[in-house]
N, C-alpha and C. Protein backbone atom coordinates (compact mmCIF):
# COMPACT_ATOMS: atom_id res chain seq x y z
N MET A 1 -9.81 13.29 91.64
CA MET A 1 -10.17 12.89 90.16
C MET A 1 -10.95 11.77 90.27
N ASN A 2 -11.63 10.99 90.67
CA ASN A 2 -12.32 10.45 90.13
C ASN A 2 -13.57 10.54 89.64
N ASP A 3 -13.69 11.87 90.90
CA ASP A 3 -15.54 11.62 90.51
C ASP A 3 -15.09 13.26 89.55
N VAL A 4 -14.39 13.38 88.75
CA VAL A 4 -14.21 14.36 87.57
C VAL A 4 -14.66 13.44 86.58
N ALA A 5 -13.87 11.69 86.46
CA ALA A 5 -13.78 10.91 85.04
C ALA A 5 -15.37 10.98 85.45
N THR A 6 -15.72 10.41 86.48
CA THR A 6 -16.95 9.22 86.30
C THR A 6 -18.14 10.74 86.28
N TRP A 7 -18.02 12.00 86.71
CA TRP A 7 -18.70 12.84 85.97
C TRP A 7 -19.03 13.38 84.40
N ILE A 8 -17.37 12.95 83.39
CA ILE A 8 -16.73 13.73 82.51
C ILE A 8 -17.80 11.66 81.46
N ASP A 9 -17.93 10.97 82.33
CA ASP A 9 -18.12 9.91 81.08
C ASP A 9 -20.30 9.92 81.77
N GLN A 10 -20.38 10.66 82.46
CA GLN A 10 -21.90 10.43 82.30
C GLN A 10 -22.53 11.72 81.73
N HIS A 11 -22.07 12.11 81.78
CA HIS A 11 -22.14 13.80 81.01
C HIS A 11 -21.75 13.96 79.81
N TRP A 12 -20.54 13.78 78.72
CA TRP A 12 -20.57 13.70 77.74
C TRP A 12 -21.55 14.05 76.70
N ARG A 13 -22.07 12.95 76.53
CA ARG A 13 -23.52 13.97 75.93
C ARG A 13 -24.04 15.15 75.62
N HIS A 14 -24.02 14.84 77.01
CA HIS A 14 -25.13 16.75 76.83
C HIS A 14 -24.03 17.67 76.05
N ALA A 15 -22.76 17.51 76.28
CA ALA A 15 -21.23 18.60 75.49
C ALA A 15 -21.55 18.57 74.29
N ILE A 16 -21.82 17.14 73.90
CA ILE A 16 -22.26 16.78 72.19
C ILE A 16 -23.41 17.47 71.70
N GLU A 17 -24.61 17.25 73.12
CA GLU A 17 -25.81 17.39 72.49
C GLU A 17 -25.67 19.74 72.24
N ILE A 18 -25.04 19.94 72.84
CA ILE A 18 -25.25 21.52 72.97
C ILE A 18 -24.71 21.85 72.13
N LEU A 19 -23.50 21.06 71.39
CA LEU A 19 -22.66 21.27 70.62
C LEU A 19 -23.34 21.59 68.62
N ILE A 20 -23.97 20.15 69.41
CA ILE A 20 -24.78 20.33 67.68
C ILE A 20 -26.02 20.64 67.83
N LEU A 21 -26.67 21.11 68.79
CA LEU A 21 -27.42 22.42 69.03
C LEU A 21 -26.70 24.30 68.20
N ALA A 22 -25.72 24.13 68.66
CA ALA A 22 -25.62 25.24 68.91
C ALA A 22 -24.68 25.63 67.54
N LEU A 23 -24.16 24.41 67.16
CA LEU A 23 -23.80 24.22 65.33
C LEU A 23 -24.86 24.74 64.39
N GLY A 24 -26.52 24.06 65.09
CA GLY A 24 -27.61 24.47 64.07
C GLY A 24 -28.42 25.39 64.08
N ILE A 25 -28.55 26.30 65.12
CA ILE A 25 -28.78 28.08 65.80
C ILE A 25 -27.86 28.64 64.79
N TYR A 26 -26.66 28.51 65.27
CA TYR A 26 -25.18 29.32 64.27
C TYR A 26 -25.73 29.19 62.27
N GLN A 27 -26.37 28.08 61.96
CA GLN A 27 -26.40 27.47 60.75
C GLN A 27 -28.19 29.03 60.58
N ILE A 28 -28.49 28.57 61.64
CA ILE A 28 -30.00 28.47 61.30
C ILE A 28 -30.02 30.68 61.01
N PHE A 29 -29.29 31.10 61.96
CA PHE A 29 -28.79 33.11 61.76
C PHE A 29 -28.10 33.04 60.64
N ARG A 30 -27.15 32.07 60.03
CA ARG A 30 -26.64 32.74 59.18
C ARG A 30 -27.58 32.49 57.87
N ALA A 31 -28.87 31.92 58.19
CA ALA A 31 -29.10 31.99 56.32
C ALA A 31 -30.43 32.76 56.96
N PHE A 32 -30.72 33.46 58.05
CA PHE A 32 -31.86 34.26 58.34
C PHE A 32 -31.04 35.57 58.21
N ARG A 33 -29.92 35.78 58.72
CA ARG A 33 -29.68 36.75 59.28
C ARG A 33 -29.71 38.19 58.16
N SER A 34 -30.14 38.16 57.25
CA SER A 34 -29.50 39.09 55.85
C SER A 34 -31.49 39.10 55.47
N THR A 35 -32.19 38.77 55.94
CA THR A 35 -33.42 38.57 55.54
C THR A 35 -34.46 39.19 56.34
N ARG A 36 -35.27 39.95 55.67
CA ARG A 36 -36.85 40.57 56.27
C ARG A 36 -37.67 39.41 57.59
N GLY A 37 -37.04 38.07 57.73
CA GLY A 37 -38.05 36.90 58.12
C GLY A 37 -37.05 37.28 59.86
N ALA A 38 -36.02 37.60 59.66
CA ALA A 38 -34.93 37.54 60.23
C ALA A 38 -35.09 38.72 61.61
N ARG A 39 -36.27 39.82 60.95
CA ARG A 39 -36.71 40.64 62.01
C ARG A 39 -37.67 40.04 63.01
N ILE A 40 -38.70 39.61 61.70
CA ILE A 40 -39.92 38.53 62.27
C ILE A 40 -39.43 38.15 63.77
N LEU A 41 -38.37 36.48 63.28
CA LEU A 41 -38.16 35.45 63.93
C LEU A 41 -37.70 36.36 64.91
N VAL A 42 -36.57 37.14 65.31
CA VAL A 42 -36.11 37.99 66.77
C VAL A 42 -37.33 38.19 67.21
N ALA A 43 -38.63 39.51 66.96
CA ALA A 43 -39.21 39.79 67.63
C ALA A 43 -40.37 38.66 68.38
N LEU A 44 -40.65 37.32 67.44
CA LEU A 44 -42.10 36.46 67.65
C LEU A 44 -40.62 35.59 68.94
N ALA A 45 -39.79 35.59 69.18
CA ALA A 45 -38.53 34.87 70.41
C ALA A 45 -38.87 35.61 71.46
N ALA A 46 -38.22 37.57 70.96
CA ALA A 46 -38.62 38.53 71.71
C ALA A 46 -39.89 38.32 72.50
N ILE A 47 -41.06 38.06 71.96
CA ILE A 47 -42.30 38.00 73.13
C ILE A 47 -42.68 36.94 73.42
N LEU A 48 -42.01 35.80 72.86
CA LEU A 48 -42.07 34.20 73.64
C LEU A 48 -41.74 34.33 75.28
N ILE A 49 -40.28 34.84 74.53
CA ILE A 49 -39.64 35.17 75.62
C ILE A 49 -39.85 35.68 76.81
N PHE A 50 -40.49 36.91 76.24
CA PHE A 50 -41.29 37.93 78.04
C PHE A 50 -42.07 37.14 78.34
N PHE A 51 -42.88 36.29 77.64
CA PHE A 51 -44.09 35.73 78.55
C PHE A 51 -43.82 34.83 79.07
N THR A 52 -43.10 34.44 78.69
CA THR A 52 -42.65 32.68 79.89
C THR A 52 -42.09 33.80 80.67
N LEU A 53 -41.11 34.42 80.73
CA LEU A 53 -40.85 35.02 81.90
C LEU A 53 -41.36 35.33 82.78
N ILE A 54 -42.70 36.08 81.95
CA ILE A 54 -43.48 36.76 83.60
C ILE A 54 -43.94 35.65 83.56
N SER A 55 -44.37 34.60 83.00
CA SER A 55 -45.54 34.02 83.68
C SER A 55 -44.69 33.09 84.22
N GLN A 56 -43.52 32.92 84.14
CA GLN A 56 -43.21 31.79 84.90
C GLN A 56 -42.92 32.49 86.04
N LEU A 57 -42.16 34.36 86.68
CA LEU A 57 -42.09 34.81 87.74
C LEU A 57 -42.65 34.92 88.11
N PHE A 58 -44.06 35.38 87.89
CA PHE A 58 -46.09 35.66 88.37
C PHE A 58 -46.74 34.40 88.56
N SER A 59 -45.65 33.53 88.51
CA SER A 59 -46.72 32.21 88.68
C SER A 59 -48.51 32.05 87.95
N PHE A 60 -48.64 33.22 87.25
CA PHE A 60 -49.55 32.92 86.06
C PHE A 60 -49.69 31.36 85.27
N GLU A 61 -50.61 30.48 86.09
CA GLU A 61 -51.12 29.83 85.35
C GLU A 61 -51.49 29.88 83.59
N VAL A 62 -52.94 31.07 83.35
CA VAL A 62 -53.44 30.54 82.58
C VAL A 62 -52.40 31.19 81.33
N ILE A 63 -51.47 32.04 81.26
CA ILE A 63 -50.40 32.52 80.33
C ILE A 63 -49.90 31.59 80.17
N GLY A 64 -49.07 31.05 81.10
CA GLY A 64 -48.24 29.56 80.86
C GLY A 64 -49.18 28.57 79.84
N TRP A 65 -50.43 28.65 80.34
CA TRP A 65 -51.40 27.44 79.60
C TRP A 65 -51.01 27.78 78.27
N ILE A 66 -52.08 29.48 78.31
CA ILE A 66 -51.49 29.23 76.66
C ILE A 66 -50.16 29.47 76.12
N ILE A 67 -49.16 29.93 76.20
CA ILE A 67 -47.96 29.37 75.16
C ILE A 67 -48.10 28.08 74.99
N THR A 68 -47.82 27.03 76.38
CA THR A 68 -47.71 26.29 76.14
C THR A 68 -48.89 25.25 75.12
N ARG A 69 -49.43 25.67 75.00
CA ARG A 69 -50.92 25.12 73.87
C ARG A 69 -51.00 25.90 72.72
N ALA A 70 -50.06 27.10 72.48
CA ALA A 70 -50.10 27.98 71.58
C ALA A 70 -48.31 27.19 70.26
N ALA A 71 -47.63 26.98 71.45
CA ALA A 71 -47.04 26.10 70.03
C ALA A 71 -47.16 25.51 68.90
N ALA A 72 -47.77 24.91 69.49
CA ALA A 72 -47.78 23.71 68.05
C ALA A 72 -48.03 24.22 66.53
N ALA A 73 -49.51 25.66 66.71
CA ALA A 73 -49.91 26.60 66.07
C ALA A 73 -49.07 27.50 65.79
N LEU A 74 -47.76 28.29 66.58
CA LEU A 74 -46.71 29.14 66.45
C LEU A 74 -45.90 28.02 65.30
N ALA A 75 -45.49 27.06 65.60
CA ALA A 75 -45.03 26.31 64.49
C ALA A 75 -45.87 26.05 63.36
N LEU A 76 -46.87 25.57 63.50
CA LEU A 76 -47.21 25.87 61.76
C LEU A 76 -46.84 27.35 60.82
N ALA A 77 -47.61 28.36 61.86
CA ALA A 77 -47.70 29.21 61.57
C ALA A 77 -46.37 30.19 61.31
N LEU A 78 -44.95 29.51 61.26
CA LEU A 78 -43.84 30.30 61.67
C LEU A 78 -43.54 28.75 60.41
N ILE A 79 -43.78 28.39 59.78
CA ILE A 79 -43.24 27.04 58.75
C ILE A 79 -44.47 28.38 57.58
N VAL A 80 -45.10 28.63 57.65
CA VAL A 80 -46.16 29.69 56.97
C VAL A 80 -45.46 31.33 56.11
N ILE A 81 -45.01 32.05 57.50
CA ILE A 81 -44.73 33.04 57.60
C ILE A 81 -43.51 32.98 56.90
N PHE A 82 -42.15 32.26 57.10
CA PHE A 82 -40.85 31.95 56.89
C PHE A 82 -40.72 31.32 54.94
N GLN A 83 -41.82 30.93 54.85
CA GLN A 83 -41.12 30.00 53.43
C GLN A 83 -40.69 30.50 52.34
N PRO A 84 -40.69 31.23 51.76
CA PRO A 84 -39.86 32.36 51.42
C PRO A 84 -38.33 31.81 51.85
N GLU A 85 -38.06 32.12 52.99
CA GLU A 85 -36.79 32.07 53.41
C GLU A 85 -36.59 30.65 53.64
N LEU A 86 -37.75 30.04 53.99
CA LEU A 86 -37.32 28.28 53.89
C LEU A 86 -37.01 27.27 52.23
N ARG A 87 -37.48 28.00 50.90
CA ARG A 87 -37.78 27.68 49.72
C ARG A 87 -36.32 28.16 49.70
N ASN A 88 -35.92 29.50 49.09
CA ASN A 88 -34.28 29.61 49.72
C ASN A 88 -33.12 28.75 49.94
N ALA A 89 -33.89 28.88 51.39
CA ALA A 89 -32.33 27.40 52.36
C ALA A 89 -32.49 26.49 51.98
N LEU A 90 -33.58 25.72 51.38
CA LEU A 90 -33.17 24.07 51.33
C LEU A 90 -32.74 24.05 49.28
N ALA A 91 -32.73 24.96 49.15
CA ALA A 91 -32.40 25.11 47.36
C ALA A 91 -30.96 25.80 47.53
N LYS A 92 -30.97 26.53 48.35
CA LYS A 92 -29.09 26.35 48.14
C LYS A 92 -28.51 25.41 48.50
N LEU A 93 -29.61 24.52 50.01
CA LEU A 93 -28.83 23.56 50.99
C LEU A 93 -28.24 22.41 49.74
N GLY A 94 -29.34 22.55 48.55
CA GLY A 94 -29.12 21.26 47.64
C GLY A 94 -28.23 21.45 46.40
N SER A 95 -27.75 22.88 46.42
CA SER A 95 -27.38 23.22 45.30
C SER A 95 -25.02 23.27 46.07
N SER A 96 -25.47 23.87 46.74
CA SER A 96 -23.87 24.44 47.58
C SER A 96 -23.37 22.97 48.73
N ARG A 97 -22.06 22.47 49.11
CA ARG A 97 -21.77 22.09 50.32
C ARG A 97 -22.65 22.88 51.27
N LEU A 98 -22.65 22.45 52.41
CA LEU A 98 -23.45 22.31 53.47
C LEU A 98 -21.81 22.94 54.84
N PHE A 99 -22.08 23.87 55.68
CA PHE A 99 -20.59 24.39 55.35
C PHE A 99 -20.33 25.09 55.35
N LEU A 100 -19.64 26.48 54.43
CA LEU A 100 -19.25 25.77 53.81
C LEU A 100 -18.61 27.32 54.27
N PHE A 101 -17.70 27.64 55.27
CA PHE A 101 -17.26 28.57 55.37
C PHE A 101 -15.86 29.46 54.57
N SER A 102 -15.88 29.17 52.84
CA SER A 102 -14.58 29.79 52.44
C SER A 102 -14.77 31.13 51.43
N ASN A 103 -14.06 31.98 51.92
CA ASN A 103 -14.52 33.18 51.05
C ASN A 103 -13.91 33.51 49.87
N ASN A 104 -13.38 32.63 49.63
CA ASN A 104 -13.32 32.48 47.95
C ASN A 104 -13.58 33.66 46.43
N ARG A 105 -15.14 33.02 46.96
CA ARG A 105 -16.03 33.08 45.99
C ARG A 105 -16.02 35.01 45.88
N LYS A 106 -15.58 34.95 47.18
CA LYS A 106 -15.99 36.68 47.60
C LYS A 106 -15.13 37.50 46.80
N LEU A 107 -14.28 36.27 47.79
CA LEU A 107 -12.73 38.23 46.56
C LEU A 107 -12.92 38.04 44.93
N ALA A 108 -13.13 37.14 44.68
CA ALA A 108 -12.92 36.38 43.05
C ALA A 108 -13.93 37.69 42.43
N PHE A 109 -14.95 37.62 43.26
CA PHE A 109 -16.07 38.67 43.25
C PHE A 109 -15.41 40.19 43.11
N LEU A 110 -15.22 40.60 44.43
CA LEU A 110 -14.33 41.60 44.38
C LEU A 110 -13.48 42.48 43.01
N GLU A 111 -12.93 42.00 43.35
CA GLU A 111 -11.52 41.05 41.99
C GLU A 111 -12.38 41.65 40.94
N THR A 112 -13.10 41.10 40.21
CA THR A 112 -14.56 41.41 38.78
C THR A 112 -15.16 42.38 39.05
N PHE A 113 -15.24 42.83 40.17
CA PHE A 113 -16.04 44.10 40.04
C PHE A 113 -15.38 44.99 40.39
N ALA A 114 -14.12 45.30 40.86
CA ALA A 114 -13.14 46.36 40.26
C ALA A 114 -12.75 46.29 38.83
N ASP A 115 -12.60 44.55 38.09
CA ASP A 115 -12.59 45.71 36.58
C ASP A 115 -13.07 45.93 35.87
N ALA A 116 -14.26 45.64 36.23
CA ALA A 116 -15.83 45.79 36.12
C ALA A 116 -15.85 47.20 35.70
N VAL A 117 -15.95 48.36 36.89
CA VAL A 117 -15.71 49.19 37.16
C VAL A 117 -14.63 50.00 36.53
N ILE A 118 -13.43 50.17 36.99
CA ILE A 118 -12.11 50.34 35.80
C ILE A 118 -12.45 50.12 34.54
N THR A 119 -13.49 49.18 33.76
CA THR A 119 -13.00 49.04 32.28
C THR A 119 -14.67 50.31 31.83
N LEU A 120 -15.12 50.38 32.63
CA LEU A 120 -16.74 51.31 32.49
C LEU A 120 -16.04 52.55 32.58
N SER A 121 -15.54 53.33 33.77
CA SER A 121 -14.45 54.23 33.56
C SER A 121 -13.86 54.49 32.41
N LYS A 122 -13.22 53.71 32.41
CA LYS A 122 -12.24 54.66 31.44
C LYS A 122 -12.63 54.46 29.76
N LYS A 123 -14.21 54.17 29.49
CA LYS A 123 -14.66 54.35 28.14
C LYS A 123 -16.13 54.94 28.95
N ARG A 124 -15.88 55.23 30.23
CA ARG A 124 -16.65 56.73 29.52
C ARG A 124 -18.62 56.11 30.06
N ILE A 125 -19.12 55.33 30.55
CA ILE A 125 -19.70 54.86 30.32
C ILE A 125 -20.63 54.20 31.80
N GLY A 126 -21.11 54.85 32.42
CA GLY A 126 -22.33 54.51 33.82
C GLY A 126 -22.62 53.24 33.93
N ALA A 127 -23.47 53.56 35.32
CA ALA A 127 -23.61 52.16 35.25
C ALA A 127 -24.81 52.51 36.73
N LEU A 128 -25.45 51.64 37.49
CA LEU A 128 -26.01 51.53 38.33
C LEU A 128 -25.83 50.22 38.73
N PHE A 129 -24.84 50.28 39.85
CA PHE A 129 -25.36 47.95 40.75
C PHE A 129 -26.17 48.08 41.68
N ALA A 130 -26.19 47.54 42.18
CA ALA A 130 -27.21 47.17 43.39
C ALA A 130 -26.70 46.00 44.32
N ILE A 131 -26.02 45.86 44.98
CA ILE A 131 -25.15 45.41 46.30
C ILE A 131 -26.08 45.15 47.55
N GLU A 132 -26.09 43.87 47.55
CA GLU A 132 -27.04 43.59 48.63
C GLU A 132 -25.83 43.47 50.02
N ARG A 133 -26.64 43.92 51.14
CA ARG A 133 -25.86 43.43 52.34
C ARG A 133 -26.45 43.67 53.48
N GLY A 134 -27.51 44.60 54.59
CA GLY A 134 -28.15 43.37 54.75
C GLY A 134 -29.56 43.04 55.29
N ILE A 135 -30.24 43.34 54.24
CA ILE A 135 -31.11 42.86 53.64
C ILE A 135 -30.62 42.09 52.43
N SER A 136 -31.10 40.61 51.62
CA SER A 136 -31.06 40.01 50.70
C SER A 136 -31.97 40.94 49.75
N LEU A 137 -31.63 40.59 48.33
CA LEU A 137 -31.83 41.15 47.10
C LEU A 137 -32.86 40.32 46.57
N ARG A 138 -32.55 38.69 47.12
CA ARG A 138 -33.11 37.99 46.35
C ARG A 138 -35.30 37.87 45.89
N GLN A 139 -35.53 38.42 47.20
CA GLN A 139 -36.49 38.66 46.11
C GLN A 139 -37.19 39.69 44.96
N TYR A 140 -35.96 41.28 44.96
CA TYR A 140 -36.28 41.42 43.77
C TYR A 140 -36.02 40.05 42.23
N LEU A 141 -34.84 39.91 42.48
CA LEU A 141 -35.09 38.55 40.91
C LEU A 141 -35.96 37.01 41.00
N ASP A 142 -36.37 37.10 42.13
CA ASP A 142 -37.60 35.54 42.20
C ASP A 142 -39.19 36.37 41.53
N THR A 143 -39.64 38.15 41.42
CA THR A 143 -40.31 38.16 40.61
C THR A 143 -39.84 38.35 39.45
N ARG A 144 -39.61 37.98 38.71
CA ARG A 144 -39.37 37.46 37.75
C ARG A 144 -39.31 38.92 36.73
N SER A 145 -39.11 39.99 36.73
CA SER A 145 -38.71 41.66 36.71
C SER A 145 -37.18 41.88 35.76
N PHE A 146 -36.35 40.40 36.57
CA PHE A 146 -35.22 40.58 35.41
C PHE A 146 -34.98 39.26 34.84
N THR A 147 -34.85 39.17 33.50
CA THR A 147 -34.97 37.51 32.75
C THR A 147 -34.37 36.86 32.39
N ARG A 148 -33.07 37.62 33.07
CA ARG A 148 -31.90 36.90 32.52
C ARG A 148 -31.38 36.81 33.71
N LYS A 149 -30.56 36.09 33.86
CA LYS A 149 -28.92 35.18 34.56
C LYS A 149 -28.17 36.39 35.11
N LEU A 150 -28.01 37.58 35.44
CA LEU A 150 -26.69 38.63 34.69
C LEU A 150 -25.77 37.57 36.12
N ARG A 151 -24.86 38.21 35.39
CA ARG A 151 -23.03 37.49 35.90
C ARG A 151 -22.11 38.80 36.27
N CYS A 152 -20.86 38.60 37.02
CA CYS A 152 -20.39 39.72 37.17
C CYS A 152 -19.29 39.94 35.80
N THR A 153 -19.05 40.89 35.14
CA THR A 153 -17.74 40.19 34.45
C THR A 153 -17.39 41.68 34.02
N THR A 154 -16.14 41.47 33.28
CA THR A 154 -15.19 42.51 33.21
C THR A 154 -15.53 43.23 31.65
N GLU A 155 -16.37 42.92 31.40
CA GLU A 155 -17.29 42.57 29.19
C GLU A 155 -18.06 43.83 30.10
N ALA A 156 -18.27 45.20 29.22
CA ALA A 156 -19.28 45.89 29.07
C ALA A 156 -19.98 46.32 27.63
């Protein structure tokens, strides 16, 4: 029992560090999962993991050296590649609470959307709705092709 207590006393910082990293990675995943950048990020991570494993498995010193030297250039390239996603994430961070897990906004939107569809149906008015799902539609809003801020209301 004493060994367990000393082990916990020596390694409790590691558990907190893992928890902080896990939360950070999860928040990055949440920010990038519905963008095109997510596919690029997954592909780059897969390539990096593949070459790292191959260089370690077969003791390829040159490939390992190239991977370690290219890390700084890769960090700069990631900033350039993900500039739109980073800008949107920073804007979101500045305008909302961090780590908000509430579904109240989604529920309110769905109720308003359903009311709007019913109202349009009763008035026999056709409409085209664009609802983002897997990939964000924000890039189309940022092109200035929409001149108004559109909100979901039940008014026709």
